[in-house]
C-alpha atoms as a PDB file:
ATOM      1  CA  UNK A   1     158.335 163.576 198.146  1.00  0.00           C
ATOM      2  CA  UNK A   2     159.181 159.816 197.427  1.00  0.00           C
ATOM      3  CA  UNK A   3     160.616 158.918 194.091  1.00  0.00           C
ATOM      4  CA  UNK A   4     160.842 155.380 191.355  1.00  0.00           C
ATOM      5  CA  UNK A   5     164.478 155.111 193.457  1.00  0.00           C
ATOM      6  CA  UNK A   6     163.126 155.394 196.699  1.00  0.00           C
ATOM      7  CA  UNK A   7     160.212 152.399 196.313  1.00  0.00           C
ATOM      8  CA  UNK A   8     162.904 150.552 193.826  1.00  0.00           C
ATOM      9  CA  UNK A   9     164.794 150.563 197.385  1.00  0.00           C
ATOM     10  CA  UNK A  10     162.332 149.619 199.630  1.00  0.00           C
ATOM     11  CA  UNK A  11     160.524 146.900 197.500  1.00  0.00           C
ATOM     12  CA  UNK A  12     164.129 145.027 197.264  1.00  0.00           C
ATOM     13  CA  UNK A  13     163.751 145.673 193.016  1.00  0.00           C
ATOM     14  CA  UNK A  14     165.441 147.412 190.231  1.00  0.00           C
ATOM     15  CA  UNK A  15     163.826 151.134 189.153  1.00  0.00           C
ATOM     16  CA  UNK A  16     163.210 148.884 185.780  1.00  0.00           C
ATOM     17  CA  UNK A  17     160.718 146.399 187.707  1.00  0.00           C
ATOM     18  CA  UNK A  18     159.225 149.332 189.117  1.00  0.00           C
ATOM     19  CA  UNK A  19     158.820 151.061 186.184  1.00  0.00           C
ATOM     20  CA  UNK A  20     156.933 148.209 184.796  1.00  0.00           C
ATOM     21  CA  UNK A  21     154.787 147.249 187.497  1.00  0.00           C
ATOM     22  CA  UNK A  22     153.125 150.859 187.268  1.00  0.00           C
ATOM     23  CA  UNK A  23     152.691 150.499 183.328  1.00  0.00           C
ATOM     24  CA  UNK A  24     151.238 147.536 183.916  1.00  0.00           C
ATOM     25  CA  UNK A  25     154.179 144.951 181.854  1.00  0.00           C
ATOM     26  CA  UNK A  26     153.284 141.514 181.124  1.00  0.00           C
ATOM     27  CA  UNK A  27     156.666 140.413 181.920  1.00  0.00           C
ATOM     28  CA  UNK A  28     156.584 141.432 186.338  1.00  0.00           C
ATOM     29  CA  UNK A  29     155.989 138.270 188.643  1.00  0.00           C
ATOM     30  CA  UNK A  30     152.607 138.438 190.326  1.00  0.00           C
ATOM     31  CA  UNK A  31     155.878 138.565 194.049  1.00  0.00           C
ATOM     32  CA  UNK A  32     157.437 141.395 192.767  1.00  0.00           C
ATOM     33  CA  UNK A  33     154.457 143.052 191.803  1.00  0.00           C
ATOM     34  CA  UNK A  34     153.211 142.733 195.358  1.00  0.00           C
ATOM     35  CA  UNK A  35     156.623 144.307 197.134  1.00  0.00           C
ATOM     36  CA  UNK A  36     156.202 147.360 194.618  1.00  0.00           C
ATOM     37  CA  UNK A  37     153.202 148.362 195.404  1.00  0.00           C
ATOM     38  CA  UNK A  38     153.303 147.490 199.388  1.00  0.00           C
ATOM     39  CA  UNK A  39     156.097 149.815 199.167  1.00  0.00           C
ATOM     40  CA  UNK A  40     154.334 152.525 197.432  1.00  0.00           C
ATOM     41  CA  UNK A  41     151.594 153.062 199.740  1.00  0.00           C
ATOM     42  CA  UNK A  42     154.647 152.792 202.716  1.00  0.00           C
ATOM     43  CA  UNK A  43     156.035 155.205 201.421  1.00  0.00           C
ATOM     44  CA  UNK A  44     153.086 157.163 200.019  1.00  0.00           C
ATOM     45  CA  UNK A  45     154.314 157.361 196.261  1.00  0.00           C
ATOM     46  CA  UNK A  46     152.164 158.185 193.884  1.00  0.00           C
ATOM     47  CA  UNK A  47     153.298 158.167 189.872  1.00  0.00           C
ATOM     48  CA  UNK A  48     152.884 161.101 187.696  1.00  0.00           C
ATOM     49  CA  UNK A  49     150.036 161.167 185.803  1.00  0.00           C
ATOM     50  CA  UNK A  50     150.552 162.973 183.190  1.00  0.00           C
ATOM     51  CA  UNK A  51     153.129 160.734 182.717  1.00  0.00           C
ATOM     52  CA  UNK A  52     151.050 157.918 183.210  1.00  0.00           C
ATOM     53  CA  UNK A  53     148.849 158.688 180.483  1.00  0.00           C
ATOM     54  CA  UNK A  54     151.767 159.367 178.052  1.00  0.00           C
ATOM     55  CA  UNK A  55     153.036 156.021 178.123  1.00  0.00           C
ATOM     56  CA  UNK A  56     149.294 153.902 178.331  1.00  0.00           C
ATOM     57  CA  UNK A  57     148.823 155.382 174.687  1.00  0.00           C
ATOM     58  CA  UNK A  58     148.480 152.926 172.262  1.00  0.00           C
ATOM     59  CA  UNK A  59     149.056 153.222 168.279  1.00  0.00           C
ATOM     60  CA  UNK A  60     147.481 149.966 167.239  1.00  0.00           C
ATOM     61  CA  UNK A  61     150.286 149.041 165.441  1.00  0.00           C
ATOM     62  CA  UNK A  62     152.866 146.280 165.335  1.00  0.00           C
ATOM     63  CA  UNK A  63     156.232 146.154 164.167  1.00  0.00           C
ATOM     64  CA  UNK A  64     157.813 142.843 162.305  1.00  0.00           C
ATOM     65  CA  UNK A  65     161.587 142.640 162.150  1.00  0.00           C
ATOM     66  CA  UNK A  66     163.142 140.701 159.344  1.00  0.00           C
ATOM     67  CA  UNK A  67     166.197 140.769 157.277  1.00  0.00           C
ATOM     68  CA  UNK A  68     164.207 141.149 153.872  1.00  0.00           C
ATOM     69  CA  UNK A  69     161.443 140.817 152.693  1.00  0.00           C
ATOM     70  CA  UNK A  70     161.933 138.744 149.396  1.00  0.00           C
ATOM     71  CA  UNK A  71     163.000 135.883 151.569  1.00  0.00           C
ATOM     72  CA  UNK A  72     159.569 134.130 150.560  1.00  0.00           C
ATOM     73  CA  UNK A  73     159.730 132.226 154.255  1.00  0.00           C
ATOM     74  CA  UNK A  74     159.315 135.930 155.438  1.00  0.00           C
ATOM     75  CA  UNK A  75     157.281 137.374 152.966  1.00  0.00           C
ATOM     76  CA  UNK A  76     155.037 133.898 153.525  1.00  0.00           C
ATOM     77  CA  UNK A  77     155.416 134.874 157.343  1.00  0.00           C
ATOM     78  CA  UNK A  78     154.487 138.343 157.208  1.00  0.00           C
ATOM     79  CA  UNK A  79     150.990 137.360 155.131  1.00  0.00           C
ATOM     80  CA  UNK A  80     149.702 135.400 157.537  1.00  0.00           C
ATOM     81  CA  UNK A  81     150.437 137.565 160.508  1.00  0.00           C
ATOM     82  CA  UNK A  82     149.256 140.767 158.828  1.00  0.00           C
ATOM     83  CA  UNK A  83     146.165 138.815 158.083  1.00  0.00           C
ATOM     84  CA  UNK A  84     145.566 137.901 161.678  1.00  0.00           C
ATOM     85  CA  UNK A  85     146.737 141.563 162.270  1.00  0.00           C
ATOM     86  CA  UNK A  86     143.535 143.398 160.186  1.00  0.00           C
ATOM     87  CA  UNK A  87     141.361 141.112 161.701  1.00  0.00           C
ATOM     88  CA  UNK A  88     142.362 142.384 165.082  1.00  0.00           C
ATOM     89  CA  UNK A  89     141.993 145.552 164.285  1.00  0.00           C
ATOM     90  CA  UNK A  90     145.902 146.117 164.508  1.00  0.00           C
ATOM     91  CA  UNK A  91     148.251 147.913 162.174  1.00  0.00           C
ATOM     92  CA  UNK A  92     151.745 145.497 160.862  1.00  0.00           C
ATOM     93  CA  UNK A  93     154.740 147.574 159.747  1.00  0.00           C
ATOM     94  CA  UNK A  94     157.270 145.404 158.611  1.00  0.00           C
ATOM     95  CA  UNK A  95     160.701 146.363 159.169  1.00  0.00           C
ATOM     96  CA  UNK A  96     163.833 144.923 156.793  1.00  0.00           C
ATOM     97  CA  UNK A  97     166.984 145.071 159.141  1.00  0.00           C
ATOM     98  CA  UNK A  98     168.576 143.553 155.507  1.00  0.00           C
ATOM     99  CA  UNK A  99     170.836 142.183 158.091  1.00  0.00           C
ATOM    100  CA  UNK A 100     172.872 145.681 159.203  1.00  0.00           C
ATOM    101  CA  UNK A 101     172.903 145.960 163.227  1.00  0.00           C
ATOM    102  CA  UNK A 102     172.172 149.705 163.236  1.00  0.00           C
ATOM    103  CA  UNK A 103     169.255 149.605 161.214  1.00  0.00           C
ATOM    104  CA  UNK A 104     167.896 146.777 163.593  1.00  0.00           C
ATOM    105  CA  UNK A 105     168.235 149.571 166.794  1.00  0.00           C
ATOM    106  CA  UNK A 106     166.817 152.374 164.642  1.00  0.00           C
ATOM    107  CA  UNK A 107     163.494 150.421 164.222  1.00  0.00           C
ATOM    108  CA  UNK A 108     163.455 149.029 167.949  1.00  0.00           C
ATOM    109  CA  UNK A 109     163.606 152.652 168.956  1.00  0.00           C
ATOM    110  CA  UNK A 110     160.523 153.430 168.068  1.00  0.00           C
ATOM    111  CA  UNK A 111     159.286 151.533 171.517  1.00  0.00           C
ATOM    112  CA  UNK A 112     160.531 153.854 173.223  1.00  0.00           C
ATOM    113  CA  UNK A 113     158.794 156.967 171.403  1.00  0.00           C
ATOM    114  CA  UNK A 114     155.710 154.744 171.713  1.00  0.00           C
ATOM    115  CA  UNK A 115     155.180 155.039 167.616  1.00  0.00           C
ATOM    116  CA  UNK A 116     154.263 150.998 168.079  1.00  0.00           C
ATOM    117  CA  UNK A 117     152.869 148.611 170.523  1.00  0.00           C
ATOM    118  CA  UNK A 118     155.218 145.678 170.542  1.00  0.00           C
ATOM    119  CA  UNK A 119     157.723 143.892 168.437  1.00  0.00           C
ATOM    120  CA  UNK A 120     158.183 140.459 166.880  1.00  0.00           C
ATOM    121  CA  UNK A 121     161.985 139.447 166.374  1.00  0.00           C
ATOM    122  CA  UNK A 122     161.819 137.437 163.138  1.00  0.00           C
ATOM    123  CA  UNK A 123     165.732 138.585 162.946  1.00  0.00           C
ATOM    124  CA  UNK A 124     168.879 138.798 165.696  1.00  0.00           C
ATOM    125  CA  UNK A 125     171.258 141.156 164.599  1.00  0.00           C
ATOM    126  CA  UNK A 126     172.764 142.612 168.160  1.00  0.00           C
ATOM    127  CA  UNK A 127     173.707 140.529 170.515  1.00  0.00           C
ATOM    128  CA  UNK A 128     170.759 140.129 173.664  1.00  0.00           C
ATOM    129  CA  UNK A 129     172.272 142.926 175.705  1.00  0.00           C
ATOM    130  CA  UNK A 130     171.837 145.159 173.158  1.00  0.00           C
ATOM    131  CA  UNK A 131     167.894 144.668 172.691  1.00  0.00           C
ATOM    132  CA  UNK A 132     166.948 143.870 176.124  1.00  0.00           C
ATOM    133  CA  UNK A 133     166.151 147.283 177.744  1.00  0.00           C
ATOM    134  CA  UNK A 134     163.866 147.275 174.877  1.00  0.00           C
ATOM    135  CA  UNK A 135     161.192 145.122 176.167  1.00  0.00           C
ATOM    136  CA  UNK A 136     161.115 148.040 179.429  1.00  0.00           C
ATOM    137  CA  UNK A 137     158.677 150.397 176.770  1.00  0.00           C
ATOM    138  CA  UNK A 138     156.727 147.306 174.853  1.00  0.00           C
ATOM    139  CA  UNK A 139     155.606 143.675 174.432  1.00  0.00           C
ATOM    140  CA  UNK A 140     158.935 141.931 172.383  1.00  0.00           C
ATOM    141  CA  UNK A 141     158.062 138.041 171.409  1.00  0.00           C
ATOM    142  CA  UNK A 142     160.552 135.940 169.613  1.00  0.00           C
ATOM    143  CA  UNK A 143     159.437 134.447 166.394  1.00  0.00           C
ATOM    144  CA  UNK A 144     161.758 131.593 164.725  1.00  0.00           C
ATOM    145  CA  UNK A 145     165.083 133.115 166.087  1.00  0.00           C
ATOM    146  CA  UNK A 146     165.156 133.225 170.067  1.00  0.00           C
ATOM    147  CA  UNK A 147     168.105 133.676 172.164  1.00  0.00           C
ATOM    148  CA  UNK A 148     168.188 131.179 175.496  1.00  0.00           C
ATOM    149  CA  UNK A 149     168.996 134.509 177.546  1.00  0.00           C
ATOM    150  CA  UNK A 150     165.715 136.472 177.034  1.00  0.00           C
ATOM    151  CA  UNK A 151     163.308 136.218 179.223  1.00  0.00           C
ATOM    152  CA  UNK A 152     160.490 136.608 176.683  1.00  0.00           C
ATOM    153  CA  UNK A 153     157.844 134.907 174.748  1.00  0.00           C
ATOM    154  CA  UNK A 154     159.383 132.451 171.956  1.00  0.00           C
ATOM    155  CA  UNK A 155     157.273 130.791 169.061  1.00  0.00           C
ATOM    156  CA  UNK A 156     160.059 128.714 167.336  1.00  0.00           C
ATOM    157  CA  UNK A 157     160.933 124.896 165.993  1.00  0.00           C
ATOM    158  CA  UNK A 158     164.066 123.043 167.448  1.00  0.00           C
ATOM    159  CA  UNK A 159     166.404 123.522 164.973  1.00  0.00           C
ATOM    160  CA  UNK A 160     169.544 121.465 166.876  1.00  0.00           C
ATOM    161  CA  UNK A 161     166.350 118.797 165.729  1.00  0.00           C
ATOM    162  CA  UNK A 162     166.295 120.110 162.230  1.00  0.00           C
ATOM    163  CA  UNK A 163     170.420 120.352 161.380  1.00  0.00           C
ATOM    164  CA  UNK A 164     170.629 116.734 163.351  1.00  0.00           C
ATOM    165  CA  UNK A 165     167.880 115.492 161.404  1.00  0.00           C
ATOM    166  CA  UNK A 166     168.776 116.204 158.211  1.00  0.00           C
ATOM    167  CA  UNK A 167     172.874 115.786 158.672  1.00  0.00           C
ATOM    168  CA  UNK A 168     172.340 111.861 160.160  1.00  0.00           C
ATOM    169  CA  UNK A 169     170.342 111.608 156.851  1.00  0.00           C
ATOM    170  CA  UNK A 170     172.829 112.479 154.522  1.00  0.00           C
ATOM    171  CA  UNK A 171     175.456 110.044 156.466  1.00  0.00           C
ATOM    172  CA  UNK A 172     172.318 107.328 156.234  1.00  0.00           C
ATOM    173  CA  UNK A 173     172.563 107.894 152.468  1.00  0.00           C
ATOM    174  CA  UNK A 174     176.061 107.357 152.329  1.00  0.00           C
ATOM    175  CA  UNK A 175     177.865 110.633 151.997  1.00  0.00           C
ATOM    176  CA  UNK A 176     180.970 111.326 154.784  1.00  0.00           C
ATOM    177  CA  UNK A 177     182.347 114.784 153.504  1.00  0.00           C
ATOM    178  CA  UNK A 178     179.141 116.838 154.276  1.00  0.00           C
ATOM    179  CA  UNK A 179     179.996 120.990 154.200  1.00  0.00           C
ATOM    180  CA  UNK A 180     177.441 123.379 156.066  1.00  0.00           C
ATOM    181  CA  UNK A 181     176.567 126.781 155.745  1.00  0.00           C
ATOM    182  CA  UNK A 182     175.782 129.422 157.868  1.00  0.00           C
ATOM    183  CA  UNK A 183     174.894 133.225 157.765  1.00  0.00           C
ATOM    184  CA  UNK A 184     177.569 136.054 159.906  1.00  0.00           C
ATOM    185  CA  UNK A 185     175.738 136.278 163.296  1.00  0.00           C
ATOM    186  CA  UNK A 186     175.028 133.551 166.181  1.00  0.00           C
ATOM    187  CA  UNK A 187     171.922 133.993 166.953  1.00  0.00           C
ATOM    188  CA  UNK A 188     170.048 130.726 169.353  1.00  0.00           C
ATOM    189  CA  UNK A 189     168.609 129.381 165.820  1.00  0.00           C
ATOM    190  CA  UNK A 190     172.212 129.619 164.219  1.00  0.00           C
ATOM    191  CA  UNK A 191     174.062 128.485 167.222  1.00  0.00           C
ATOM    192  CA  UNK A 192     171.338 125.237 167.903  1.00  0.00           C
ATOM    193  CA  UNK A 193     172.211 124.285 163.953  1.00  0.00           C
ATOM    194  CA  UNK A 194     175.678 123.961 164.356  1.00  0.00           C
ATOM    195  CA  UNK A 195     175.232 121.732 167.545  1.00  0.00           C
ATOM    196  CA  UNK A 196     172.833 119.152 165.649  1.00  0.00           C
ATOM    197  CA  UNK A 197     175.218 119.280 162.519  1.00  0.00           C
ATOM    198  CA  UNK A 198     178.430 118.136 164.417  1.00  0.00           C
ATOM    199  CA  UNK A 199     176.260 116.239 166.958  1.00  0.00           C
ATOM    200  CA  UNK A 200     175.357 114.021 163.822  1.00  0.00           C
ATOM    201  CA  UNK A 201     178.898 114.026 162.541  1.00  0.00           C
ATOM    202  CA  UNK A 202     179.996 112.864 165.779  1.00  0.00           C
ATOM    203  CA  UNK A 203     177.625 110.476 166.772  1.00  0.00           C
ATOM    204  CA  UNK A 204     178.641 108.921 162.898  1.00  0.00           C
ATOM    205  CA  UNK A 205     182.394 109.543 163.499  1.00  0.00           C
ATOM    206  CA  UNK A 206     182.995 111.244 160.322  1.00  0.00           C
ATOM    207  CA  UNK A 207     185.410 114.197 160.829  1.00  0.00           C
ATOM    208  CA  UNK A 208     184.755 117.757 159.544  1.00  0.00           C
ATOM    209  CA  UNK A 209     187.609 120.173 157.800  1.00  0.00           C
ATOM    210  CA  UNK A 210     186.746 123.812 158.078  1.00  0.00           C
ATOM    211  CA  UNK A 211     187.474 124.689 154.727  1.00  0.00           C
ATOM    212  CA  UNK A 212     184.086 123.286 154.212  1.00  0.00           C
ATOM    213  CA  UNK A 213     182.273 125.621 156.217  1.00  0.00           C
ATOM    214  CA  UNK A 214     180.970 128.453 153.838  1.00  0.00           C
ATOM    215  CA  UNK A 215     180.143 131.917 156.336  1.00  0.00           C
ATOM    216  CA  UNK A 216     177.568 134.797 155.552  1.00  0.00           C
ATOM    217  CA  UNK A 217     175.785 133.217 153.034  1.00  0.00           C
ATOM    218  CA  UNK A 218     171.881 133.324 152.958  1.00  0.00           C
ATOM    219  CA  UNK A 219     171.334 134.054 149.336  1.00  0.00           C
ATOM    220  CA  UNK A 220     170.998 132.149 145.971  1.00  0.00           C
ATOM    221  CA  UNK A 221     173.886 134.014 144.478  1.00  0.00           C
ATOM    222  CA  UNK A 222     175.885 132.544 147.692  1.00  0.00           C
ATOM    223  CA  UNK A 223     175.012 129.405 146.813  1.00  0.00           C
ATOM    224  CA  UNK A 224     176.304 129.678 143.346  1.00  0.00           C
ATOM    225  CA  UNK A 225     179.346 131.341 144.940  1.00  0.00           C
ATOM    226  CA  UNK A 226     179.418 128.358 147.295  1.00  0.00           C
ATOM    227  CA  UNK A 227     179.847 125.423 144.837  1.00  0.00           C
ATOM    228  CA  UNK A 228     182.271 127.791 142.495  1.00  0.00           C
ATOM    229  CA  UNK A 229     184.313 127.606 145.549  1.00  0.00           C
ATOM    230  CA  UNK A 230     183.517 123.679 146.085  1.00  0.00           C
ATOM    231  CA  UNK A 231     184.860 122.911 142.882  1.00  0.00           C
ATOM    232  CA  UNK A 232     188.003 124.185 143.371  1.00  0.00           C
ATOM    233  CA  UNK A 233     189.113 122.682 147.031  1.00  0.00           C
ATOM    234  CA  UNK A 234     191.444 119.541 146.478  1.00  0.00           C
ATOM    235  CA  UNK A 235     189.352 117.884 149.362  1.00  0.00           C
ATOM    236  CA  UNK A 236     186.061 118.331 148.059  1.00  0.00           C
ATOM    237  CA  UNK A 237     183.042 117.286 150.322  1.00  0.00           C
ATOM    238  CA  UNK A 238     180.552 115.665 148.507  1.00  0.00           C
ATOM    239  CA  UNK A 239     177.700 116.663 150.377  1.00  0.00           C
ATOM    240  CA  UNK A 240     176.596 119.876 151.514  1.00  0.00           C
ATOM    241  CA  UNK A 241     174.218 120.939 154.058  1.00  0.00           C
ATOM    242  CA  UNK A 242     172.930 124.919 153.114  1.00  0.00           C
ATOM    243  CA  UNK A 243     170.650 125.956 156.104  1.00  0.00           C
ATOM    244  CA  UNK A 244     168.651 127.436 153.344  1.00  0.00           C
ATOM    245  CA  UNK A 245     166.515 126.801 150.554  1.00  0.00           C
ATOM    246  CA  UNK A 246     167.975 129.541 148.734  1.00  0.00           C
ATOM    247  CA  UNK A 247     171.303 128.858 149.156  1.00  0.00           C
ATOM    248  CA  UNK A 248     170.182 125.015 147.835  1.00  0.00           C
ATOM    249  CA  UNK A 249     168.678 126.427 144.421  1.00  0.00           C
ATOM    250  CA  UNK A 250     171.479 128.748 144.390  1.00  0.00           C
ATOM    251  CA  UNK A 251     174.168 125.455 144.428  1.00  0.00           C
ATOM    252  CA  UNK A 252     171.625 124.019 142.543  1.00  0.00           C
ATOM    253  CA  UNK A 253     171.531 126.124 140.010  1.00  0.00           C
ATOM    254  CA  UNK A 254     175.186 126.762 138.936  1.00  0.00           C
ATOM    255  CA  UNK A 255     175.696 122.813 138.834  1.00  0.00           C
ATOM    256  CA  UNK A 256     173.463 122.937 135.934  1.00  0.00           C
ATOM    257  CA  UNK A 257     175.397 125.967 134.223  1.00  0.00           C
ATOM    258  CA  UNK A 258     178.944 124.087 135.089  1.00  0.00           C
ATOM    259  CA  UNK A 259     177.688 120.472 134.662  1.00  0.00           C
ATOM    260  CA  UNK A 260     178.915 119.062 137.866  1.00  0.00           C
ATOM    261  CA  UNK A 261     175.579 116.413 138.694  1.00  0.00           C
ATOM    262  CA  UNK A 262     173.813 116.366 141.973  1.00  0.00           C
ATOM    263  CA  UNK A 263     173.403 114.105 143.617  1.00  0.00           C
ATOM    264  CA  UNK A 264     176.297 112.027 142.128  1.00  0.00           C
ATOM    265  CA  UNK A 265     178.873 114.606 142.759  1.00  0.00           C
ATOM    266  CA  UNK A 266     177.715 117.046 145.479  1.00  0.00           C
ATOM    267  CA  UNK A 267     174.525 115.666 147.552  1.00  0.00           C
ATOM    268  CA  UNK A 268     172.530 119.126 148.710  1.00  0.00           C
ATOM    269  CA  UNK A 269     169.935 119.233 151.743  1.00  0.00           C
ATOM    270  CA  UNK A 270     167.916 122.942 152.037  1.00  0.00           C
ATOM    271  CA  UNK A 271     166.086 123.859 155.236  1.00  0.00           C
ATOM    272  CA  UNK A 272     162.301 125.567 155.427  1.00  0.00           C
ATOM    273  CA  UNK A 273     160.695 123.726 152.615  1.00  0.00           C
ATOM    274  CA  UNK A 274     159.650 126.896 150.444  1.00  0.00           C
ATOM    275  CA  UNK A 275     157.993 126.878 147.089  1.00  0.00           C
ATOM    276  CA  UNK A 276     161.626 126.837 145.473  1.00  0.00           C
ATOM    277  CA  UNK A 277     162.279 123.223 146.596  1.00  0.00           C
ATOM    278  CA  UNK A 278     160.243 121.313 144.505  1.00  0.00           C
ATOM    279  CA  UNK A 279     160.444 123.891 141.579  1.00  0.00           C
ATOM    280  CA  UNK A 280     164.483 123.167 141.439  1.00  0.00           C
ATOM    281  CA  UNK A 281     165.932 120.308 139.443  1.00  0.00           C
ATOM    282  CA  UNK A 282     166.681 118.084 140.746  1.00  0.00           C
ATOM    283  CA  UNK A 283     163.508 118.646 143.388  1.00  0.00           C
ATOM    284  CA  UNK A 284     165.364 119.703 147.084  1.00  0.00           C
ATOM    285  CA  UNK A 285     165.292 117.260 150.232  1.00  0.00           C
ATOM    286  CA  UNK A 286     164.725 119.895 152.847  1.00  0.00           C
ATOM    287  CA  UNK A 287     163.961 120.331 156.787  1.00  0.00           C
ATOM    288  CA  UNK A 288     160.090 121.728 156.388  1.00  0.00           C
ATOM    289  CA  UNK A 289     159.384 124.251 158.409  1.00  0.00           C
ATOM    290  CA  UNK A 290     155.390 124.960 159.103  1.00  0.00           C
ATOM    291  CA  UNK A 291     155.591 129.002 158.696  1.00  0.00           C
ATOM    292  CA  UNK A 292     152.034 129.316 158.808  1.00  0.00           C
ATOM    293  CA  UNK A 293     151.828 128.115 161.848  1.00  0.00           C
ATOM    294  CA  UNK A 294     154.873 130.276 162.939  1.00  0.00           C
ATOM    295  CA  UNK A 295     153.612 133.829 161.758  1.00  0.00           C
ATOM    296  CA  UNK A 296     149.839 132.984 163.000  1.00  0.00           C
ATOM    297  CA  UNK A 297     150.956 131.956 166.810  1.00  0.00           C
ATOM    298  CA  UNK A 298     153.488 134.730 167.186  1.00  0.00           C
ATOM    299  CA  UNK A 299     150.982 137.040 166.244  1.00  0.00           C
ATOM    300  CA  UNK A 300     148.079 135.288 168.660  1.00  0.00           C
ATOM    301  CA  UNK A 301     150.675 135.206 171.530  1.00  0.00           C
ATOM    302  CA  UNK A 302     151.177 139.184 171.019  1.00  0.00           C
ATOM    303  CA  UNK A 303     147.678 139.703 170.587  1.00  0.00           C
ATOM    304  CA  UNK A 304     147.461 138.142 173.883  1.00  0.00           C
ATOM    305  CA  UNK A 305     149.897 140.497 175.928  1.00  0.00           C
ATOM    306  CA  UNK A 306     148.488 143.544 174.220  1.00  0.00           C
ATOM    307  CA  UNK A 307     145.448 142.580 176.109  1.00  0.00           C
ATOM    308  CA  UNK A 308     146.833 141.631 179.076  1.00  0.00           C
ATOM    309  CA  UNK A 309     145.727 137.876 179.184  1.00  0.00           C
ATOM    310  CA  UNK A 310     149.847 136.904 178.430  1.00  0.00           C
ATOM    311  CA  UNK A 311     152.099 135.650 180.595  1.00  0.00           C
ATOM    312  CA  UNK A 312     155.275 137.341 183.105  1.00  0.00           C
ATOM    313  CA  UNK A 313     157.787 134.957 182.649  1.00  0.00           C
ATOM    314  CA  UNK A 314     159.128 133.001 179.397  1.00  0.00           C
ATOM    315  CA  UNK A 315     156.511 131.342 177.264  1.00  0.00           C
ATOM    316  CA  UNK A 316     157.879 128.959 174.673  1.00  0.00           C
ATOM    317  CA  UNK A 317     155.678 127.726 171.403  1.00  0.00           C
ATOM    318  CA  UNK A 318     158.042 124.975 170.397  1.00  0.00           C
ATOM    319  CA  UNK A 319     156.590 124.365 166.456  1.00  0.00           C
ATOM    320  CA  UNK A 320     157.182 120.858 164.915  1.00  0.00           C
ATOM    321  CA  UNK A 321     159.452 120.447 161.442  1.00  0.00           C
ATOM    322  CA  UNK A 322     160.071 116.789 159.174  1.00  0.00           C
ATOM    323  CA  UNK A 323     162.075 116.146 156.472  1.00  0.00           C
ATOM    324  CA  UNK A 324     160.554 116.065 153.209  1.00  0.00           C
ATOM    325  CA  UNK A 325     162.960 113.594 150.669  1.00  0.00           C
ATOM    326  CA  UNK A 326     163.463 114.854 146.856  1.00  0.00           C
ATOM    327  CA  UNK A 327     166.041 114.126 143.914  1.00  0.00           C
ATOM    328  CA  UNK A 328     168.884 116.412 145.490  1.00  0.00           C
ATOM    329  CA  UNK A 329     170.456 113.676 148.398  1.00  0.00           C
END
């Protein structure tokens, strides 16, 4: 009796590809499908019907992985996704990774045990090589977060452009010693923001001191800490690109407590354009990301995949962003 290994060998493809064809997985090119079906016919291969039935069971449940729901950017995104899911008879399970690699993998294991039908990754803590195998079990798409090695549908923004626009704006306003903040991981989003930041500095011929890099920064309290560290420096930056409205709000809040004048002594650039950006004093100059559109389009892509309407190859949806001027620069 022929096995899946025999089919893969004759078709010249991997066992994973054969498995995807048997499960009607969306990420298989038509030419590879044809090779697998031809090999199955030649070998008289018959899939295990019981296993096939189990694999085709659905839960009508989608998981979205986010760092933490307390971040207004992600809570708004989830709200939009959940409304669309409900309108389509689906449930949305919100999984907070809390920036923890092990926790992320525990949630991804839900696809292996068929407890969910698909995953929307709005954050990525592990290297993509650790995550890629999960695409054999259910559709996985990127939302806001991304990795250029991943051949999966992705809904995101041009983070290089966003960081470049924000940094260049600071430079055009006369700031020449610009600090930057980032998280601990080096995902596509974080890496592209760094590239955009450095490109703007290089273009202007400005120096950068590694002393002005702040890592592991994502919360309001982190922003407070960043300001305290800045004011202790001998060679202080005169502006900071935070990469986060929450971090920026923390800096501005601590500046008020320590009597540091924003933007006269330190200009602050945010990212996201959350509601808090218009509530702090001075108002936060930031990069607007259309979170409603990100959440809406991501859920629409997932629903299409579940209905067999998605493309088999990588599908990129690139949404627009723009600068919002307020008083922190």
